[in-house]
N, C-alpha and C. Protein backbone atom coordinates (compact mmCIF):
# COMPACT_ATOMS: atom_id res chain seq x y z
N MET A 1 72.68 21.31 140.11
CA MET A 1 74.01 21.31 139.58
C MET A 1 74.04 21.92 138.16
N ARG A 2 72.97 21.58 137.46
CA ARG A 2 72.91 22.18 136.06
C ARG A 2 72.65 23.67 136.12
N PHE A 3 71.89 24.11 137.19
CA PHE A 3 71.64 25.56 137.30
C PHE A 3 72.93 26.31 137.58
N LEU A 4 73.77 25.70 138.49
CA LEU A 4 74.94 26.40 138.78
C LEU A 4 75.99 26.38 137.63
N SER A 5 76.06 25.26 136.75
CA SER A 5 76.88 25.16 135.69
C SER A 5 76.37 26.23 134.68
N THR A 6 75.13 26.45 134.59
CA THR A 6 74.51 27.41 133.51
C THR A 6 74.93 28.74 134.03
N ALA A 7 74.69 29.09 135.35
CA ALA A 7 75.03 30.29 135.83
C ALA A 7 76.52 30.76 135.70
N ILE A 8 77.39 29.73 135.95
CA ILE A 8 78.90 30.05 135.71
C ILE A 8 79.16 30.20 134.29
N SER A 9 78.49 29.49 133.37
CA SER A 9 78.84 29.71 132.04
C SER A 9 78.29 30.99 131.46
N THR A 10 77.31 31.58 132.18
CA THR A 10 76.63 32.88 131.68
C THR A 10 77.46 33.99 132.25
N VAL A 11 77.95 33.98 133.46
CA VAL A 11 78.73 34.91 134.21
C VAL A 11 80.02 35.12 133.56
N LEU A 12 80.63 33.93 133.19
CA LEU A 12 81.91 33.85 132.53
C LEU A 12 81.80 33.82 131.13
N HIS A 13 80.81 34.31 130.39
CA HIS A 13 80.70 34.17 128.95
C HIS A 13 81.85 34.96 128.37
N PRO A 14 82.29 34.31 127.20
CA PRO A 14 83.42 35.06 126.43
C PRO A 14 83.16 36.47 126.08
N MET A 15 81.85 36.90 125.77
CA MET A 15 81.69 38.18 125.37
C MET A 15 81.82 39.18 126.45
N LEU A 16 81.74 38.73 127.83
CA LEU A 16 81.97 39.70 128.92
C LEU A 16 83.46 39.63 129.22
N ILE A 17 84.28 38.76 128.94
CA ILE A 17 85.59 38.65 129.40
C ILE A 17 86.34 39.83 129.17
N PRO A 18 86.41 40.40 127.93
CA PRO A 18 87.17 41.62 127.63
C PRO A 18 86.77 42.82 128.49
N THR A 19 85.65 43.01 128.75
CA THR A 19 85.14 44.14 129.76
C THR A 19 85.65 43.77 131.03
N LEU A 20 85.52 42.61 131.47
CA LEU A 20 86.09 42.32 132.92
C LEU A 20 87.65 42.34 132.91
N GLY A 21 88.20 42.08 131.85
CA GLY A 21 89.65 42.03 131.73
C GLY A 21 90.22 43.57 131.81
N LEU A 22 89.37 44.50 131.16
CA LEU A 22 89.69 45.84 131.17
C LEU A 22 89.47 46.46 132.54
N PHE A 23 88.38 46.05 133.31
CA PHE A 23 88.23 46.50 134.51
C PHE A 23 89.43 46.11 135.44
N LEU A 24 89.93 44.93 135.35
CA LEU A 24 90.99 44.41 136.11
C LEU A 24 92.37 45.30 135.77
N ILE A 25 92.52 45.49 134.60
CA ILE A 25 93.65 46.26 134.05
C ILE A 25 93.72 47.61 134.76
N PHE A 26 92.50 48.23 134.75
CA PHE A 26 92.44 49.67 135.33
C PHE A 26 92.60 49.74 136.80
N ASN A 27 92.39 48.50 137.44
CA ASN A 27 92.42 48.51 138.87
C ASN A 27 93.44 47.78 139.59
N LEU A 28 94.39 47.42 138.88
CA LEU A 28 95.50 46.54 139.46
C LEU A 28 96.82 47.33 139.71
N GLY A 29 96.90 48.58 139.33
CA GLY A 29 98.24 49.24 139.33
C GLY A 29 98.72 49.45 137.99
N GLY A 30 99.94 50.05 137.83
CA GLY A 30 100.44 50.61 136.65
C GLY A 30 99.99 51.95 136.28
N HIS A 31 100.67 52.59 135.27
CA HIS A 31 100.39 53.93 134.92
C HIS A 31 98.97 54.12 134.40
N PHE A 32 98.45 53.19 133.77
CA PHE A 32 97.09 53.32 133.32
C PHE A 32 95.94 53.39 134.28
N THR A 33 96.32 53.02 135.59
CA THR A 33 95.39 53.22 136.70
C THR A 33 95.01 54.61 136.82
N TYR A 34 95.92 55.51 136.53
CA TYR A 34 95.78 57.00 136.85
C TYR A 34 95.01 57.73 135.58
N LEU A 35 94.63 57.02 134.71
CA LEU A 35 93.87 57.69 133.59
C LEU A 35 92.60 58.43 134.06
N PRO A 36 92.46 59.61 133.58
CA PRO A 36 91.11 60.35 133.94
C PRO A 36 89.87 59.49 133.74
N ILE A 37 88.94 59.66 134.60
CA ILE A 37 87.77 58.80 134.54
C ILE A 37 87.09 58.94 133.16
N ASP A 38 87.07 60.06 132.60
CA ASP A 38 86.36 60.34 131.37
C ASP A 38 87.13 59.49 130.23
N HIS A 39 88.34 59.38 130.27
CA HIS A 39 89.07 58.59 129.38
C HIS A 39 88.84 57.03 129.53
N LYS A 40 88.63 56.72 130.75
CA LYS A 40 88.40 55.29 130.97
C LYS A 40 86.98 54.95 130.49
N ARG A 41 86.01 55.84 130.67
CA ARG A 41 84.64 55.66 130.16
C ARG A 41 84.67 55.44 128.66
N VAL A 42 85.37 56.31 127.92
CA VAL A 42 85.43 56.00 126.51
C VAL A 42 86.02 54.68 126.10
N ILE A 43 87.18 54.28 126.82
CA ILE A 43 87.77 52.99 126.55
C ILE A 43 86.79 51.90 126.87
N TYR A 44 86.16 51.90 128.02
CA TYR A 44 85.22 50.99 128.49
C TYR A 44 84.04 50.83 127.42
N LEU A 45 83.44 51.92 126.85
CA LEU A 45 82.48 52.07 125.99
C LEU A 45 82.86 51.27 124.60
N ILE A 46 84.06 51.57 123.98
CA ILE A 46 84.57 50.95 122.97
C ILE A 46 84.54 49.42 123.13
N ILE A 47 85.21 49.00 124.17
CA ILE A 47 85.49 47.53 124.35
C ILE A 47 84.11 46.80 124.68
N PHE A 48 83.19 47.49 125.42
CA PHE A 48 81.90 46.78 125.63
C PHE A 48 81.15 46.71 124.41
N LEU A 49 80.99 47.75 123.63
CA LEU A 49 80.23 47.70 122.43
C LEU A 49 80.82 46.72 121.41
N SER A 50 82.09 46.81 121.28
CA SER A 50 82.71 45.96 120.13
C SER A 50 82.73 44.41 120.43
N THR A 51 82.94 44.26 121.81
CA THR A 51 83.16 42.69 122.24
C THR A 51 81.83 42.07 122.77
N CYS A 52 80.89 42.85 123.16
CA CYS A 52 79.66 42.20 123.85
C CYS A 52 78.46 42.84 123.19
N ALA A 53 78.12 44.12 123.15
CA ALA A 53 76.76 44.50 122.71
C ALA A 53 76.52 44.18 121.25
N LEU A 54 77.46 44.57 120.45
CA LEU A 54 77.33 44.45 118.94
C LEU A 54 77.16 42.92 118.59
N PRO A 55 78.09 42.12 119.06
CA PRO A 55 77.95 40.56 118.73
C PRO A 55 76.67 40.09 119.26
N LEU A 56 76.28 40.38 120.46
CA LEU A 56 75.07 39.78 121.08
C LEU A 56 73.85 40.38 120.43
N SER A 57 73.85 41.59 119.86
CA SER A 57 72.68 42.19 119.17
C SER A 57 72.28 41.30 117.91
N LEU A 58 73.20 40.64 117.41
CA LEU A 58 73.03 39.80 116.12
C LEU A 58 72.43 38.42 116.51
N VAL A 59 72.34 37.92 117.70
CA VAL A 59 71.93 36.64 118.07
C VAL A 59 70.48 36.49 117.73
N PRO A 60 69.50 37.51 118.11
CA PRO A 60 68.13 37.20 117.58
C PRO A 60 67.96 37.28 116.15
N LEU A 61 68.79 37.94 115.35
CA LEU A 61 68.61 37.85 113.85
C LEU A 61 69.14 36.52 113.43
N PHE A 62 70.19 36.08 113.88
CA PHE A 62 70.70 34.75 113.60
C PHE A 62 69.71 33.68 113.80
N MET A 63 68.99 33.68 114.94
CA MET A 63 67.95 32.68 115.18
C MET A 63 66.76 32.81 114.28
N LEU A 64 66.43 34.13 114.01
CA LEU A 64 65.37 34.36 113.03
C LEU A 64 65.56 33.80 111.65
N LEU A 65 66.67 33.94 111.25
CA LEU A 65 67.28 33.35 109.96
C LEU A 65 67.53 31.90 109.91
N GLY A 66 67.56 31.31 111.09
CA GLY A 66 67.95 29.98 111.16
C GLY A 66 69.35 29.63 110.92
N VAL A 67 70.19 30.63 111.20
CA VAL A 67 71.65 30.37 111.21
C VAL A 67 72.01 29.65 112.51
N ILE A 68 71.44 29.91 113.54
CA ILE A 68 71.66 29.14 114.73
C ILE A 68 70.35 28.72 115.24
N LYS A 69 70.45 27.47 116.09
CA LYS A 69 69.06 26.97 116.57
C LYS A 69 68.86 27.45 117.84
N SER A 70 69.95 27.89 118.62
CA SER A 70 69.70 28.45 119.98
C SER A 70 71.08 29.35 120.48
N VAL A 71 70.84 30.09 121.56
CA VAL A 71 71.95 30.77 121.91
C VAL A 71 73.17 30.13 122.32
N HIS A 72 73.04 28.80 122.48
CA HIS A 72 74.10 27.96 122.98
C HIS A 72 74.93 27.48 121.86
N MET A 73 74.38 27.56 120.57
CA MET A 73 75.14 27.14 119.35
C MET A 73 75.90 25.74 119.66
N ARG A 74 75.29 24.77 119.93
CA ARG A 74 75.99 23.60 120.15
C ARG A 74 76.58 22.85 119.03
N ASP A 75 75.98 23.08 117.88
CA ASP A 75 76.62 22.63 116.60
C ASP A 75 77.78 23.42 116.21
N ARG A 76 78.87 22.81 115.83
CA ARG A 76 80.22 23.43 115.46
C ARG A 76 79.93 24.32 114.22
N LYS A 77 79.09 23.89 113.37
CA LYS A 77 78.86 24.75 112.01
C LYS A 77 78.03 26.01 112.29
N GLU A 78 77.15 26.00 113.44
CA GLU A 78 76.46 27.12 113.78
C GLU A 78 77.40 28.35 114.30
N ARG A 79 78.59 28.02 114.67
CA ARG A 79 79.45 28.97 115.34
C ARG A 79 80.33 29.73 114.34
N ILE A 80 80.36 29.25 113.12
CA ILE A 80 81.28 29.84 112.16
C ILE A 80 81.00 31.29 111.86
N LEU A 81 79.75 31.64 111.42
CA LEU A 81 79.35 32.92 110.99
C LEU A 81 79.35 33.90 112.18
N PRO A 82 78.85 33.42 113.25
CA PRO A 82 78.85 34.50 114.39
C PRO A 82 80.32 34.87 114.89
N THR A 83 81.14 33.75 114.77
CA THR A 83 82.65 34.03 115.07
C THR A 83 83.27 34.95 114.10
N VAL A 84 82.92 34.76 112.78
CA VAL A 84 83.50 35.70 111.85
C VAL A 84 83.01 37.27 112.07
N LEU A 85 81.82 37.30 112.39
CA LEU A 85 81.19 38.73 112.60
C LEU A 85 81.76 39.25 113.97
N THR A 86 81.95 38.35 114.93
CA THR A 86 82.44 38.87 116.19
C THR A 86 83.87 39.31 115.96
N GLY A 87 84.61 38.67 115.18
CA GLY A 87 85.98 38.99 114.86
C GLY A 87 86.08 40.40 114.08
N ILE A 88 85.16 40.64 113.35
CA ILE A 88 84.86 41.89 112.60
C ILE A 88 84.67 43.02 113.58
N PHE A 89 83.74 42.82 114.61
CA PHE A 89 83.48 43.76 115.58
C PHE A 89 84.79 43.97 116.38
N TYR A 90 85.48 42.97 116.71
CA TYR A 90 86.75 43.18 117.54
C TYR A 90 87.71 44.06 116.84
N CYS A 91 87.77 43.83 115.50
CA CYS A 91 88.73 44.59 114.67
C CYS A 91 88.30 46.04 114.69
N LEU A 92 87.14 46.30 114.61
CA LEU A 92 86.50 47.75 114.71
C LEU A 92 86.84 48.33 115.99
N GLY A 93 86.72 47.60 117.03
CA GLY A 93 86.96 48.06 118.46
C GLY A 93 88.48 48.40 118.44
N TYR A 94 89.38 47.62 117.90
CA TYR A 94 90.90 47.86 118.00
C TYR A 94 91.15 49.08 117.10
N PHE A 95 90.42 49.22 115.92
CA PHE A 95 90.59 50.31 115.09
C PHE A 95 90.35 51.66 115.79
N PHE A 96 89.28 51.65 116.56
CA PHE A 96 88.99 52.90 117.35
C PHE A 96 89.94 53.10 118.44
N LEU A 97 90.28 52.11 119.13
CA LEU A 97 91.26 52.21 120.30
C LEU A 97 92.59 52.74 119.72
N SER A 98 93.01 52.24 118.57
CA SER A 98 94.41 52.68 118.00
C SER A 98 94.36 54.06 117.63
N ARG A 99 93.12 54.69 117.29
CA ARG A 99 93.04 56.05 116.85
C ARG A 99 92.95 57.06 118.03
N ILE A 100 93.01 56.44 119.39
CA ILE A 100 92.88 57.42 120.49
C ILE A 100 94.15 57.44 121.15
N PRO A 101 94.82 58.61 121.11
CA PRO A 101 96.25 58.52 121.69
C PRO A 101 96.26 58.26 123.18
N ILE A 102 95.22 58.54 123.96
CA ILE A 102 95.34 58.23 125.41
C ILE A 102 95.19 56.73 125.81
N VAL A 103 94.92 55.89 124.81
CA VAL A 103 94.70 54.45 125.17
C VAL A 103 96.12 53.81 125.29
N PRO A 104 96.34 53.28 126.52
CA PRO A 104 97.70 52.64 126.75
C PRO A 104 98.01 51.50 125.79
N SER A 105 99.27 51.29 125.39
CA SER A 105 99.56 50.33 124.37
C SER A 105 99.33 48.90 125.05
N PHE A 106 99.25 48.84 126.39
CA PHE A 106 99.05 47.50 126.87
C PHE A 106 97.61 47.02 126.51
N ILE A 107 96.76 48.02 126.61
CA ILE A 107 95.36 47.66 126.28
C ILE A 107 95.16 47.33 124.90
N GLN A 108 95.80 48.17 124.02
CA GLN A 108 95.75 47.77 122.55
C GLN A 108 96.38 46.57 122.31
N GLY A 109 97.47 46.16 122.93
CA GLY A 109 97.99 44.89 122.74
C GLY A 109 96.96 43.76 123.13
N PHE A 110 96.39 43.92 124.28
CA PHE A 110 95.36 42.94 124.81
C PHE A 110 94.38 42.76 123.82
N MET A 111 93.63 43.75 123.20
CA MET A 111 92.75 43.81 122.20
C MET A 111 93.24 42.98 120.89
N LEU A 112 94.41 43.34 120.46
CA LEU A 112 95.00 42.77 119.26
C LEU A 112 95.20 41.27 119.52
N ALA A 113 95.78 40.81 120.70
CA ALA A 113 95.94 39.50 120.92
C ALA A 113 94.62 38.82 121.03
N THR A 114 93.62 39.42 121.44
CA THR A 114 92.30 38.60 121.58
C THR A 114 91.75 38.45 120.18
N ILE A 115 92.06 39.38 119.30
CA ILE A 115 91.60 39.27 117.81
C ILE A 115 92.30 38.02 117.25
N ILE A 116 93.60 37.92 117.41
CA ILE A 116 94.34 36.82 116.99
C ILE A 116 93.94 35.48 117.55
N ALA A 117 93.53 35.50 118.76
CA ALA A 117 92.99 34.07 119.45
C ALA A 117 91.55 33.88 118.70
N ILE A 118 90.82 34.82 118.45
CA ILE A 118 89.54 34.57 117.75
C ILE A 118 89.76 34.11 116.25
N SER A 119 90.64 34.54 115.62
CA SER A 119 91.04 34.25 114.29
C SER A 119 91.45 32.81 114.33
N ILE A 120 92.29 32.36 115.15
CA ILE A 120 92.79 30.94 115.21
C ILE A 120 91.59 30.09 115.63
N ALA A 121 90.73 30.57 116.56
CA ALA A 121 89.72 29.77 117.00
C ALA A 121 88.73 29.57 115.75
N LEU A 122 88.54 30.55 114.92
CA LEU A 122 87.60 30.34 113.65
C LEU A 122 88.14 29.35 112.85
N LEU A 123 89.47 29.24 112.50
CA LEU A 123 90.11 28.31 111.68
C LEU A 123 89.86 26.93 112.30
N ILE A 124 90.10 26.78 113.69
CA ILE A 124 89.89 25.56 114.28
C ILE A 124 88.37 25.05 114.16
N THR A 125 87.41 25.98 114.26
CA THR A 125 86.03 25.76 114.29
C THR A 125 85.57 25.22 112.93
N LEU A 126 86.31 25.59 111.94
CA LEU A 126 86.02 25.01 110.54
C LEU A 126 86.19 23.48 110.60
N PHE A 127 86.87 22.93 111.44
CA PHE A 127 87.05 21.51 111.46
C PHE A 127 86.70 20.73 112.84
N TRP A 128 86.70 21.54 113.90
CA TRP A 128 86.68 21.06 115.22
C TRP A 128 85.99 21.94 116.15
N LYS A 129 85.21 21.63 117.21
CA LYS A 129 84.51 22.39 118.11
C LYS A 129 85.49 22.85 119.35
N ILE A 130 86.05 23.78 119.33
CA ILE A 130 86.88 24.23 120.41
C ILE A 130 86.13 25.01 121.42
N SER A 131 86.27 25.07 122.77
CA SER A 131 85.54 25.82 123.69
C SER A 131 85.93 27.28 123.55
N MET A 132 84.92 28.10 123.20
CA MET A 132 85.11 29.57 123.24
C MET A 132 84.98 30.20 124.62
N HIS A 133 84.31 29.54 125.51
CA HIS A 133 84.39 30.04 126.99
C HIS A 133 85.77 29.90 127.42
N MET A 134 86.41 28.74 127.33
CA MET A 134 87.76 28.52 127.80
C MET A 134 88.71 29.41 127.14
N ILE A 135 88.38 29.75 125.84
CA ILE A 135 89.44 30.73 125.14
C ILE A 135 89.32 32.00 125.83
N GLY A 136 88.15 32.31 126.18
CA GLY A 136 87.91 33.64 126.97
C GLY A 136 88.55 33.70 128.38
N ILE A 137 88.30 32.69 129.21
CA ILE A 137 88.89 32.69 130.41
C ILE A 137 90.42 32.44 130.36
N GLY A 138 90.89 31.74 129.36
CA GLY A 138 92.25 31.56 129.22
C GLY A 138 92.94 32.74 128.86
N GLY A 139 92.28 33.58 127.93
CA GLY A 139 92.80 34.90 127.67
C GLY A 139 92.90 35.83 128.77
N LEU A 140 91.96 35.81 129.58
CA LEU A 140 92.04 36.65 130.74
C LEU A 140 93.10 36.35 131.73
N THR A 141 93.35 35.00 131.91
CA THR A 141 94.50 34.33 132.79
C THR A 141 95.75 34.87 132.13
N GLY A 142 96.04 34.67 130.82
CA GLY A 142 97.17 35.01 130.02
C GLY A 142 97.38 36.54 130.25
N ALA A 143 96.38 37.35 130.12
CA ALA A 143 96.49 38.83 130.22
C ALA A 143 97.07 39.29 131.72
N LEU A 144 96.57 38.66 132.67
CA LEU A 144 96.94 38.84 134.07
C LEU A 144 98.29 38.48 134.25
N LEU A 145 98.78 37.40 133.65
CA LEU A 145 100.16 36.95 133.91
C LEU A 145 101.13 38.02 133.07
N ALA A 146 100.64 38.36 131.86
CA ALA A 146 101.42 39.32 131.14
C ALA A 146 101.53 40.65 131.83
N LEU A 147 100.47 41.12 132.51
CA LEU A 147 100.42 42.45 133.20
C LEU A 147 101.46 42.30 134.38
N SER A 148 101.52 41.14 135.24
CA SER A 148 102.48 40.99 136.11
C SER A 148 104.05 40.94 135.60
N PHE A 149 104.30 40.30 134.40
CA PHE A 149 105.53 40.32 133.87
C PHE A 149 106.01 41.67 133.35
N ARG A 150 105.15 42.40 132.71
CA ARG A 150 105.41 43.53 131.90
C ARG A 150 105.58 44.78 132.95
N PHE A 151 104.84 44.82 134.05
CA PHE A 151 104.91 46.00 134.84
C PHE A 151 105.29 45.62 136.41
N GLY A 152 105.67 44.32 136.57
CA GLY A 152 106.15 43.99 137.95
C GLY A 152 105.13 44.07 139.03
N ILE A 153 103.76 43.94 138.65
CA ILE A 153 102.85 44.12 139.63
C ILE A 153 102.39 42.68 140.34
N ASP A 154 102.37 42.62 141.60
CA ASP A 154 102.07 41.58 142.36
C ASP A 154 100.69 41.16 142.19
N ILE A 155 100.21 40.23 141.37
CA ILE A 155 98.90 39.83 141.28
C ILE A 155 98.74 38.38 141.33
N TRP A 156 99.59 37.68 141.97
CA TRP A 156 99.45 36.26 141.91
C TRP A 156 98.35 35.65 142.56
N LEU A 157 97.87 36.17 143.67
CA LEU A 157 96.55 35.68 144.21
C LEU A 157 95.45 36.00 143.23
N LEU A 158 95.43 37.02 142.57
CA LEU A 158 94.30 37.15 141.45
C LEU A 158 94.55 36.22 140.38
N PHE A 159 95.76 35.90 140.07
CA PHE A 159 96.14 34.92 139.03
C PHE A 159 95.57 33.48 139.34
N ALA A 160 95.76 33.28 140.63
CA ALA A 160 95.44 31.92 141.15
C ALA A 160 93.87 31.86 141.11
N GLY A 161 93.17 32.94 141.44
CA GLY A 161 91.69 32.99 141.46
C GLY A 161 91.22 32.70 140.09
N ALA A 162 91.99 33.40 139.06
CA ALA A 162 91.52 33.20 137.65
C ALA A 162 91.67 31.78 137.19
N VAL A 163 92.75 31.00 137.60
CA VAL A 163 92.84 29.68 137.39
C VAL A 163 91.81 28.82 137.96
N ILE A 164 91.54 29.15 139.16
CA ILE A 164 90.30 28.48 139.87
C ILE A 164 89.02 28.75 139.07
N LEU A 165 88.83 29.92 138.71
CA LEU A 165 87.54 30.12 137.85
C LEU A 165 87.57 29.49 136.58
N ALA A 166 88.79 29.24 136.01
CA ALA A 166 88.83 28.54 134.71
C ALA A 166 88.54 27.15 135.05
N GLY A 167 88.94 26.54 136.10
CA GLY A 167 88.63 25.11 136.58
C GLY A 167 87.08 24.97 136.60
N LEU A 168 86.48 25.90 137.27
CA LEU A 168 85.08 25.83 137.52
C LEU A 168 84.37 26.00 136.20
N LEU A 169 84.64 26.97 135.36
CA LEU A 169 84.12 26.94 134.03
C LEU A 169 84.21 25.84 133.36
N GLY A 170 85.38 25.27 133.26
CA GLY A 170 85.79 24.04 132.40
C GLY A 170 84.81 22.86 132.89
N SER A 171 84.75 22.80 134.24
CA SER A 171 83.82 21.66 134.75
C SER A 171 82.50 21.96 134.45
N ALA A 172 81.97 23.14 134.49
CA ALA A 172 80.67 23.50 134.17
C ALA A 172 80.36 23.04 132.78
N ARG A 173 81.35 23.44 131.62
CA ARG A 173 81.00 23.15 130.32
C ARG A 173 81.04 21.58 130.20
N LEU A 174 81.74 20.85 130.86
CA LEU A 174 81.88 19.41 130.77
C LEU A 174 80.46 18.90 131.24
N PHE A 175 80.05 19.45 132.48
CA PHE A 175 78.72 18.94 133.05
C PHE A 175 77.55 19.18 132.14
N LEU A 176 77.58 20.28 131.39
CA LEU A 176 76.47 20.67 130.54
C LEU A 176 76.68 19.81 129.09
N ASN A 177 77.72 18.94 129.00
CA ASN A 177 77.93 18.32 127.77
C ASN A 177 78.12 19.11 126.53
N ALA A 178 78.64 20.39 126.93
CA ALA A 178 78.86 21.44 125.77
C ALA A 178 80.13 21.09 125.04
N HIS A 179 81.11 20.38 125.73
CA HIS A 179 82.45 20.11 125.11
C HIS A 179 82.96 18.88 125.70
N THR A 180 84.01 18.32 124.98
CA THR A 180 84.72 17.25 125.64
C THR A 180 85.97 17.76 126.36
N PRO A 181 86.61 16.99 127.26
CA PRO A 181 87.71 17.44 127.93
C PRO A 181 88.94 17.98 126.99
N GLY A 182 89.09 17.44 125.84
CA GLY A 182 90.17 17.89 124.97
C GLY A 182 89.83 19.34 124.46
N GLN A 183 88.40 19.59 124.02
CA GLN A 183 88.06 20.85 123.70
C GLN A 183 88.20 21.98 124.60
N VAL A 184 87.96 21.51 125.95
CA VAL A 184 88.10 22.42 127.12
C VAL A 184 89.51 22.78 127.31
N HIS A 185 90.41 21.76 127.34
CA HIS A 185 91.88 22.10 127.60
C HIS A 185 92.53 22.81 126.44
N ALA A 186 92.04 22.45 125.14
CA ALA A 186 92.62 23.33 123.98
C ALA A 186 92.17 24.69 124.05
N GLY A 187 90.99 24.96 124.44
CA GLY A 187 90.41 26.39 124.45
C GLY A 187 91.20 27.15 125.43
N PHE A 188 91.48 26.57 126.62
CA PHE A 188 92.33 27.27 127.70
C PHE A 188 93.64 27.65 127.30
N LEU A 189 94.23 26.59 126.71
CA LEU A 189 95.73 26.81 126.23
C LEU A 189 95.67 27.83 125.13
N LEU A 190 94.93 27.76 124.25
CA LEU A 190 94.93 28.70 123.03
C LEU A 190 94.77 30.12 123.63
N GLY A 191 93.74 30.30 124.38
CA GLY A 191 93.42 31.71 124.89
C GLY A 191 94.66 32.40 125.79
N GLY A 192 95.04 31.31 126.70
CA GLY A 192 95.98 31.70 127.55
C GLY A 192 97.44 32.09 126.86
N LEU A 193 97.94 31.08 125.96
CA LEU A 193 99.19 31.35 125.29
C LEU A 193 99.15 32.56 124.45
N VAL A 194 98.09 32.72 123.50
CA VAL A 194 98.03 33.71 122.53
C VAL A 194 97.87 35.03 123.26
N VAL A 195 97.04 35.16 124.09
CA VAL A 195 96.83 36.50 124.74
C VAL A 195 97.97 36.93 125.65
N PHE A 196 98.61 35.94 126.34
CA PHE A 196 99.84 36.22 127.13
C PHE A 196 100.96 36.75 126.29
N ALA A 197 101.33 35.97 125.17
CA ALA A 197 102.32 36.31 124.30
C ALA A 197 102.13 37.69 123.52
N GLY A 198 100.83 37.85 123.09
CA GLY A 198 100.47 38.99 122.34
C GLY A 198 100.45 40.22 123.11
N THR A 199 99.86 40.12 124.40
CA THR A 199 99.82 41.34 125.22
C THR A 199 101.26 41.72 125.78
N LEU A 200 102.14 40.65 125.89
CA LEU A 200 103.43 41.07 126.30
C LEU A 200 104.28 41.72 125.33
N LEU A 201 104.02 41.31 123.98
CA LEU A 201 104.99 41.66 123.02
C LEU A 201 104.37 42.95 122.25
N PHE A 202 103.25 43.07 122.13
CA PHE A 202 102.63 44.26 121.21
C PHE A 202 102.78 45.46 122.07
């Protein structure tokens, strides 16, 4: 059971969620589905580098300098600096996306909403350990709901699947003693509400 919980936490890691969300956005309908493949590759590259590759590349350095004790960052204080730098990388990603005319506004809104969620999570982390995993899956769920509302796309089965995955992920985090139920629920609600509202409005 521990192996399964670890596997779920790894596959649904918050650093992978934006790229997964972008994949779903590009394949669920809407005008952005028909973007040329070369344009999609550029957007994929920017999203993956800014939200996954660059933040992940700093983990060995943080461990070497003693900023974090392990990749799991179980202590709340260990998460502060990595979250700050992750937010900076997200901002760089958004900056480059906003400078490319071909990038749909929905994707820019998704990225901006994610930055807002990270910023709020950072403020909370100064005092309390909220679940970043649940913020990520909550954000993905919120983005799917916003996609349905904004473009009238029928994705309710996929939305239900995202909710089920969120339940599995939350259970995995609780089984691993990484968070309390309150931290899990708060993370999901924060990610879901902020990304839903931001993606729908921006």
